[in-house]
Structure formats: C-alpha cells, structure tokens
C-alpha cells in the first residue's frame, strides 16, 4: 500500500466518522456526564449504536474543526477502502462493548 493510500485512508477514516458529529454536538454532555458513560448496554443493538458514537467521538476529539471535516468529504465519500477502514474501527469498538456485556448472555431466556 502506498503512502498516499495510507494517508488518504487515515484522513477518510477521521472524516467519515465525523459525519455524525452534528448528532454528538446536539447531545453535548458535561464533563460529569462523560464520566458516567458506560460500555454496559441492554441489547446488542444498543451496543452497536454506542460503538458508532465512540468512533465518532474519537474523530471529533481529534479534529475539532468541523469545516475541515466537511471540506474533505468529497475526497473520501466514494473510496471503498476508506469505508472498510471505518467499519473496522466500529467493529473493534463493538467487540469491546460486547465483551463488557458478557456478549449479552446474561439477558438470554
């Protein structure tokens, strides 16, 4: 993989995940609220949504200039390698959340 491809993928990764940053911005939390974030969720679906939020939050904490994030959108919007990279990050967060929830085995009938 060339350096250009690696850099492009990295930029895409950070930008694509920030697409939902406006959702996070609308749900501003105080520092005390952030201390209360838990990996424990009632269902796998809630766990997956949390994984997406965590991935997006990582991007918005890294790149705080929303205009930069949005300006680069056309460059990554159609790159399948970048989409795969984003999916991998969400999957890693979901794996962590699933493990924290004992893979939701306790909630089975």
Protein backbone atom coordinates (compact mmCIF):
# COMPACT_ATOMS: atom_id res chain seq x y z
CA UNK A 1 0.00 0.00 0.00
CA UNK A 2 1.44 3.37 -0.96
CA UNK A 3 1.95 6.23 1.46
CA UNK A 4 -0.63 8.24 -0.47
CA UNK A 5 -3.22 5.48 0.00
CA UNK A 6 -2.43 5.17 3.70
CA UNK A 7 -2.72 8.92 4.25
CA UNK A 8 -5.93 9.10 2.23
CA UNK A 9 -7.42 6.23 4.22
CA UNK A 10 -6.44 7.85 7.51
CA UNK A 11 -7.97 11.18 6.51
CA UNK A 12 -11.10 9.47 5.26
CA UNK A 13 -11.38 7.48 8.45
CA UNK A 14 -11.33 10.57 10.62
CA UNK A 15 -13.68 12.50 8.38
CA UNK A 16 -16.21 9.78 7.67
CA UNK A 17 -16.67 9.02 11.33
CA UNK A 18 -17.25 12.68 11.97
CA UNK A 19 -20.23 12.79 9.64
CA UNK A 20 -22.39 12.22 12.65
CA UNK A 21 -20.58 14.80 14.73
CA UNK A 22 -23.55 17.10 14.46
CA UNK A 23 -25.54 14.48 16.37
CA UNK A 24 -22.93 14.41 19.11
CA UNK A 25 -22.77 18.21 19.13
CA UNK A 26 -26.54 18.33 19.64
CA UNK A 27 -26.19 15.95 22.57
CA UNK A 28 -23.50 17.94 24.35
CA UNK A 29 -22.52 16.41 27.62
CA UNK A 30 -20.87 17.98 30.58
CA UNK A 31 -17.58 16.60 31.88
CA UNK A 32 -19.54 14.95 34.69
CA UNK A 33 -21.82 13.21 32.15
CA UNK A 34 -18.81 11.92 30.21
CA UNK A 35 -17.54 10.31 33.39
CA UNK A 36 -20.79 8.35 33.51
CA UNK A 37 -20.51 6.82 30.03
CA UNK A 38 -20.70 3.07 30.37
CA UNK A 39 -19.96 0.23 28.00
CA UNK A 40 -22.85 -1.70 29.54
CA UNK A 41 -25.90 -1.77 27.27
CA UNK A 42 -29.19 -3.64 27.43
CA UNK A 43 -29.01 -5.11 23.92
CA UNK A 44 -26.52 -5.76 21.14
CA UNK A 45 -28.29 -3.11 19.07
CA UNK A 46 -27.65 -0.51 21.76
CA UNK A 47 -24.07 -1.73 21.93
CA UNK A 48 -23.61 -1.22 18.20
CA UNK A 49 -25.02 2.31 18.39
CA UNK A 50 -22.63 3.04 21.25
CA UNK A 51 -19.74 1.73 19.13
CA UNK A 52 -20.66 4.23 16.41
CA UNK A 53 -20.86 7.06 18.93
CA UNK A 54 -17.45 6.16 20.36
CA UNK A 55 -15.87 6.08 16.91
CA UNK A 56 -17.38 9.45 16.00
CA UNK A 57 -16.38 10.95 19.32
CA UNK A 58 -12.79 9.88 18.73
CA UNK A 59 -12.79 11.75 15.44
CA UNK A 60 -14.36 14.92 16.79
CA UNK A 61 -11.91 14.97 19.69
CA UNK A 62 -9.03 14.58 17.24
CA UNK A 63 -10.21 17.03 14.57
CA UNK A 64 -12.20 19.82 16.19
CA UNK A 65 -12.62 21.89 13.03
CA UNK A 66 -15.92 20.72 11.54
CA UNK A 67 -15.33 22.83 8.42
CA UNK A 68 -12.18 20.82 7.68
CA UNK A 69 -14.04 17.57 8.18
CA UNK A 70 -16.80 18.57 5.80
CA UNK A 71 -14.46 20.12 3.21
CA UNK A 72 -12.71 16.79 2.71
CA UNK A 73 -15.92 14.79 2.38
CA UNK A 74 -15.88 14.65 -1.46
CA UNK A 75 -12.41 13.07 -1.39
CA UNK A 76 -13.42 10.07 0.72
CA UNK A 77 -17.11 9.60 0.02
CA UNK A 78 -16.58 7.08 -2.78
CA UNK A 79 -13.46 5.20 -1.62
CA UNK A 80 -14.30 1.60 -0.69
CA UNK A 81 -11.00 1.11 1.18
CA UNK A 82 -11.83 4.04 3.43
CA UNK A 83 -15.32 2.70 4.09
CA UNK A 84 -13.82 -0.63 5.09
CA UNK A 85 -11.38 1.10 7.45
CA UNK A 86 -14.24 2.92 9.13
CA UNK A 87 -16.18 -0.30 9.50
CA UNK A 88 -13.15 -1.90 11.16
CA UNK A 89 -12.96 0.83 13.80
CA UNK A 90 -16.66 0.48 14.64
CA UNK A 91 -16.25 -3.29 14.78
CA UNK A 92 -13.37 -3.01 17.23
CA UNK A 93 -15.44 -0.75 19.49
CA UNK A 94 -18.35 -3.19 19.22
CA UNK A 95 -16.10 -6.12 20.18
CA UNK A 96 -15.04 -4.25 23.30
CA UNK A 97 -18.63 -3.40 24.21
CA UNK A 98 -19.81 -6.98 23.57
CA UNK A 99 -17.09 -8.36 25.84
CA UNK A 100 -18.01 -5.83 28.55
CA UNK A 101 -21.59 -7.08 28.33
CA UNK A 102 -20.59 -10.77 28.50
CA UNK A 103 -21.88 -10.96 24.93
CA UNK A 104 -25.36 -10.33 26.34
CA UNK A 105 -25.54 -13.96 27.57
CA UNK A 106 -26.98 -12.88 30.90
CA UNK A 107 -30.02 -11.44 29.08
CA UNK A 108 -30.90 -14.70 27.31
CA UNK A 109 -34.01 -16.58 28.35
